[in-house]
Amino acid sequence: MKTKGNTILLSGGGSGIGLALAQRWHDAGNTVIVTGRNAAKLEAAVAGRANLHAMPLDVTDPDAIAAFAQEVIAKFPALNILVNNAGIMPFEAIDAERDLTDAETTIVTNLLGPIRLTDALVDHLAAASDSAIVNVTSGLAFVPLPKAPTYSATKAALHSYTQALRVQLEGKVEVIELVPPAVRTELTPGQSTREGYMPLDAFADEVMTLLAVGPTPAEILVQNVLPLRNAEADGAVAERLAFLKTL
């Protein structure tokens, strides 16, 4: 993946990991379009950066995604990179019958959203030069956080989907998986100040360094995520699941 001269579409770019990466990509010499549901956050994200653009999008709405894809291609025909980053992480008790609204919304946002947005743009990307799709999963794809079961399951599914997508798009579109550890963002309440979580700037800086490696790794793995990513290979899933149970 090229480090500059790209036109990058990044979902969930109004805050957190998405915002940090969008601003770094912009400052490295790329045109970046950030999406999200909160127009005010998007406008704040792009303020003062001429080649950072805001385009609101609700990734839970399939009709909106289809219309958005046509609009963004028309406005930015040089678009060559899609970053599927938008996601939500509700905590859920699943030990008794419950209202499944949170679980269903999580699946639509975290899994169907990337699938639909990729589908809407894949023909354009396949025809573009130096094109890439970056799917943001999680270390929890490999060892689940018990109190976020549906989130963890959607990230495991997106990991699997990304592997299949990489095979099918070989020679057409580069497919990269970005696997964050626990990072200090507002993905969950209080997470941005939680001890033991990776500082957002340190995470984003390490990601940019890894993306600059040639050839680009299929999986972008900062050091902090390796205990979860390698848990199965290390024979440590039960141990690391027991630790996550305490969080």
Protein backbone atom coordinates (compact mmCIF):
# COMPACT_ATOMS: atom_id res chain seq x y z
CA MET A 1 0.00 0.00 0.00
CA LYS A 2 1.36 3.41 -0.94
CA THR A 3 1.94 5.77 1.98
CA LYS A 4 1.12 8.97 0.05
CA GLY A 5 -0.64 10.13 -3.08
CA ASN A 6 -3.77 8.10 -2.28
CA THR A 7 -7.42 9.06 -2.04
CA ILE A 8 -8.66 7.28 1.07
CA LEU A 9 -12.24 6.74 2.28
CA LEU A 10 -12.37 5.96 6.00
CA SER A 11 -15.58 5.05 7.83
CA GLY A 12 -15.94 6.03 11.48
CA GLY A 13 -13.49 8.88 11.01
CA GLY A 14 -14.96 11.41 13.40
CA SER A 15 -13.22 10.19 16.53
CA GLY A 16 -10.89 7.61 18.04
CA ILE A 17 -8.73 5.37 15.88
CA GLY A 18 -10.42 6.55 12.68
CA LEU A 19 -9.73 10.21 13.36
CA ALA A 20 -6.13 9.60 14.42
CA LEU A 21 -5.34 7.62 11.28
CA ALA A 22 -7.24 9.99 8.99
CA GLN A 23 -5.24 12.98 10.18
CA ARG A 24 -1.94 11.12 9.89
CA TRP A 25 -2.74 9.94 6.37
CA HIS A 26 -3.74 13.48 5.44
CA ASP A 27 -0.55 14.95 6.86
CA ALA A 28 1.51 12.32 4.99
CA GLY A 29 0.24 13.60 1.64
CA ASN A 30 -3.06 11.82 0.99
CA THR A 31 -6.57 13.03 0.25
CA VAL A 32 -8.83 11.56 2.93
CA ILE A 33 -12.63 11.39 3.14
CA VAL A 34 -14.04 10.59 6.58
CA THR A 35 -17.55 9.30 7.17
CA GLY A 36 -19.74 8.85 10.21
CA ARG A 37 -23.20 9.63 11.53
CA ASN A 38 -22.22 12.69 13.57
CA ALA A 39 -21.82 15.60 11.14
CA ALA A 40 -20.51 17.95 13.85
CA LYS A 41 -17.71 15.54 14.78
CA LEU A 42 -16.79 15.12 11.14
CA GLU A 43 -16.58 18.86 10.56
CA ALA A 44 -14.37 19.25 13.64
CA ALA A 45 -12.18 16.41 12.38
CA VAL A 46 -11.46 18.05 9.04
CA ALA A 47 -11.07 21.64 10.25
CA GLY A 48 -7.88 23.26 9.01
CA ARG A 49 -6.90 20.41 6.69
CA ALA A 50 -7.52 21.22 3.04
CA ASN A 51 -7.40 17.65 1.74
CA LEU A 52 -9.42 16.09 4.57
CA HIS A 53 -13.11 15.97 3.68
CA ALA A 54 -16.27 15.08 5.62
CA MET A 55 -19.17 13.11 4.12
CA PRO A 56 -21.82 11.85 6.57
CA LEU A 57 -22.90 8.21 6.24
CA ASP A 58 -24.88 5.79 8.38
CA VAL A 59 -23.33 2.38 7.66
CA THR A 60 -26.38 0.62 9.10
CA ASP A 61 -28.50 1.86 6.16
CA PRO A 62 -27.97 -0.20 2.99
CA ASP A 63 -29.76 2.30 0.75
CA ALA A 64 -27.64 5.13 2.13
CA ILE A 65 -24.48 3.12 1.44
CA ALA A 66 -25.46 2.54 -2.19
CA ALA A 67 -26.22 6.22 -2.75
CA PHE A 68 -23.09 7.28 -0.89
CA ALA A 69 -20.87 5.07 -3.04
CA GLN A 70 -22.10 6.74 -6.21
CA GLU A 71 -21.65 10.19 -4.69
CA VAL A 72 -18.15 9.64 -3.36
CA ILE A 73 -16.94 8.15 -6.66
CA ALA A 74 -18.39 11.13 -8.53
CA LYS A 75 -16.71 13.63 -6.18
CA PHE A 76 -13.45 11.72 -5.80
CA PRO A 77 -12.86 9.59 -8.91
CA ALA A 78 -9.26 8.97 -7.81
CA LEU A 79 -10.52 7.02 -4.76
CA ASN A 80 -8.26 3.99 -4.40
CA ILE A 81 -8.36 2.97 -0.73
CA LEU A 82 -11.27 1.98 1.50
CA VAL A 83 -10.78 1.71 5.26
CA ASN A 84 -13.65 -0.05 7.05
CA ASN A 85 -13.27 1.26 10.58
CA ALA A 86 -16.77 2.17 11.85
CA GLY A 87 -17.87 0.08 14.80
CA ILE A 88 -19.71 -0.03 18.12
CA MET A 89 -19.00 -2.06 21.24
CA PRO A 90 -21.92 -2.44 23.65
CA PHE A 91 -21.47 -4.55 26.77
CA GLU A 92 -24.07 -7.34 26.99
CA ALA A 93 -25.28 -9.85 29.57
CA ILE A 94 -26.16 -13.01 27.64
CA ASP A 95 -26.83 -15.37 30.55
CA ALA A 96 -30.61 -14.89 30.33
CA GLU A 97 -33.25 -14.01 27.74
CA ARG A 98 -32.97 -10.37 26.71
CA ASP A 99 -33.75 -7.67 24.18
CA LEU A 100 -31.49 -8.37 21.18
CA THR A 101 -31.52 -4.83 19.79
CA ASP A 102 -27.91 -4.11 20.82
CA ALA A 103 -26.67 -7.41 19.40
CA GLU A 104 -28.46 -6.89 16.10
CA THR A 105 -27.25 -3.30 15.76
CA THR A 106 -23.68 -4.41 16.49
CA ILE A 107 -23.82 -7.04 13.74
CA VAL A 108 -25.27 -4.59 11.22
CA THR A 109 -22.71 -1.89 12.07
CA ASN A 110 -19.56 -3.96 12.54
CA LEU A 111 -20.04 -6.72 9.97
CA LEU A 112 -22.75 -5.91 7.44
CA GLY A 113 -21.55 -2.30 7.22
CA PRO A 114 -18.06 -3.25 5.95
CA ILE A 115 -19.48 -5.97 3.70
CA ARG A 116 -21.99 -3.57 2.12
CA LEU A 117 -19.55 -0.68 1.73
CA THR A 118 -16.93 -2.97 0.21
CA ASP A 119 -19.48 -4.41 -2.19
CA ALA A 120 -20.60 -0.94 -3.26
CA LEU A 121 -17.03 0.13 -4.08
CA VAL A 122 -15.26 -3.08 -5.11
CA ASP A 123 -15.72 -2.65 -8.88
CA HIS A 124 -14.34 0.89 -8.71
CA LEU A 125 -11.39 -0.20 -6.56
CA ALA A 126 -10.61 -3.16 -8.81
CA ALA A 127 -10.24 -0.75 -11.72
CA ALA A 128 -8.11 1.75 -9.76
CA SER A 129 -4.32 1.81 -9.52
CA ASP A 130 -2.61 0.99 -6.23
CA SER A 131 -5.94 0.12 -4.63
CA ALA A 132 -6.42 -1.38 -1.20
CA ILE A 133 -9.08 -2.31 1.33
CA VAL A 134 -8.16 -2.04 5.01
CA ASN A 135 -10.52 -3.81 7.41
CA VAL A 136 -10.18 -2.85 11.07
CA THR A 137 -10.86 -5.86 13.28
CA SER A 138 -9.63 -6.30 16.87
CA GLY A 139 -7.47 -8.44 19.10
CA LEU A 140 -10.82 -9.61 20.46
CA ALA A 141 -11.36 -11.44 17.17
CA PHE A 142 -8.89 -14.00 18.52
CA VAL A 143 -9.79 -14.06 22.22
CA PRO A 144 -13.23 -12.62 23.04
CA LEU A 145 -13.99 -10.13 25.77
CA PRO A 146 -16.76 -11.95 27.67
CA LYS A 147 -18.75 -8.80 28.42
CA ALA A 148 -18.70 -7.77 24.73
CA PRO A 149 -19.66 -11.09 23.09
CA THR A 150 -21.34 -9.81 19.94
CA TYR A 151 -18.63 -7.22 19.28
CA SER A 152 -15.98 -9.92 19.62
CA ALA A 153 -17.95 -12.24 17.32
CA THR A 154 -18.34 -9.58 14.63
CA LYS A 155 -14.61 -8.92 14.67
CA ALA A 156 -13.87 -12.65 14.39
CA ALA A 157 -16.25 -12.81 11.44
CA LEU A 158 -14.66 -9.78 9.80
CA HIS A 159 -11.23 -11.38 10.22
CA SER A 160 -12.47 -14.47 8.38
CA TYR A 161 -14.20 -12.39 5.72
CA THR A 162 -11.02 -10.39 5.18
CA GLN A 163 -9.00 -13.55 4.59
CA ALA A 164 -11.47 -14.74 1.95
CA LEU A 165 -11.64 -11.29 0.37
CA ARG A 166 -7.85 -11.20 0.10
CA VAL A 167 -7.84 -14.45 -1.88
CA GLN A 168 -10.65 -13.39 -4.22
CA LEU A 169 -9.13 -9.95 -4.90
CA GLU A 170 -5.56 -11.18 -5.34
CA GLY A 171 -3.93 -9.27 -8.17
CA LYS A 172 -6.72 -6.69 -8.22
CA VAL A 173 -6.97 -5.01 -4.81
CA GLU A 174 -4.60 -5.31 -1.86
CA VAL A 175 -6.47 -6.44 1.27
CA ILE A 176 -5.03 -5.55 4.69
CA GLU A 177 -6.30 -6.31 8.17
CA LEU A 178 -5.58 -3.81 10.94
CA VAL A 179 -5.88 -5.47 14.34
CA PRO A 180 -6.00 -2.99 17.25
CA PRO A 181 -5.40 -3.94 20.87
CA ALA A 182 -7.21 -2.14 23.69
CA VAL A 183 -6.66 1.53 22.81
CA ARG A 184 -7.54 4.66 24.77
CA THR A 185 -10.58 5.88 22.83
CA GLU A 186 -14.22 6.48 23.72
CA LEU A 187 -15.36 3.23 22.10
CA THR A 188 -16.70 2.31 25.55
CA PRO A 189 -17.39 4.67 28.48
CA GLY A 190 -14.21 5.69 30.31
CA GLN A 191 -11.92 3.81 27.92
CA SER A 192 -9.93 6.90 26.93
CA THR A 193 -8.37 7.10 30.42
CA ARG A 194 -8.27 3.41 31.30
CA GLU A 195 -4.95 2.24 32.76
CA GLY A 196 -3.25 -0.47 30.77
CA TYR A 197 -4.81 0.53 27.46
CA MET A 198 -2.51 1.72 24.67
CA PRO A 199 -2.39 5.51 24.19
CA LEU A 200 -4.11 6.45 20.95
CA ASP A 201 -1.22 8.49 19.55
CA ALA A 202 1.28 5.71 20.23
CA PHE A 203 -1.01 3.21 18.51
CA ALA A 204 -1.54 5.40 15.45
CA ASP A 205 2.18 6.15 15.14
CA GLU A 206 3.08 2.45 15.29
CA VAL A 207 0.41 1.62 12.71
CA MET A 208 1.79 4.21 10.30
CA THR A 209 5.29 2.78 10.73
CA LEU A 210 4.04 -0.74 9.98
CA LEU A 211 2.09 0.43 6.93
CA ALA A 212 5.29 1.95 5.54
CA VAL A 213 7.01 -1.46 5.48
CA GLY A 214 7.40 -2.85 1.98
CA PRO A 215 5.66 -5.03 1.04
CA THR A 216 2.80 -4.07 3.36
CA PRO A 217 2.03 -6.89 5.82
CA ALA A 218 -1.31 -8.63 5.33
CA GLU A 219 -1.98 -8.01 9.03
CA ILE A 220 -0.97 -4.80 10.78
CA LEU A 221 -0.11 -5.92 14.31
CA VAL A 222 1.27 -3.51 16.89
CA GLN A 223 3.24 -5.11 19.70
CA ASN A 224 0.41 -4.69 22.23
CA VAL A 225 -1.97 -6.89 20.27
CA LEU A 226 0.37 -9.87 19.87
CA PRO A 227 -0.68 -11.65 23.10
CA LEU A 228 -4.24 -11.89 21.76
CA ARG A 229 -3.37 -12.46 18.09
CA ASN A 230 -0.95 -15.26 18.98
CA ALA A 231 -2.94 -16.76 21.86
CA GLU A 232 -3.98 -19.89 19.97
CA ALA A 233 -0.47 -20.51 18.61
CA ASP A 234 0.92 -19.97 22.11
CA GLY A 235 -1.59 -22.39 23.66
CA ALA A 236 -2.73 -19.54 25.87
CA VAL A 237 -6.35 -18.91 24.88
CA ALA A 238 -7.79 -20.13 28.19
CA GLU A 239 -5.29 -18.08 30.18
CA ARG A 240 -5.92 -14.89 28.21
CA LEU A 241 -9.68 -15.43 28.22
CA ALA A 242 -9.53 -15.74 32.00
CA PHE A 243 -7.68 -12.42 32.14
CA LEU A 244 -10.22 -10.70 29.88
CA LYS A 245 -12.98 -12.01 32.14
CA THR A 246 -11.61 -9.79 34.91
CA LEU A 247 -11.89 -6.57 32.89
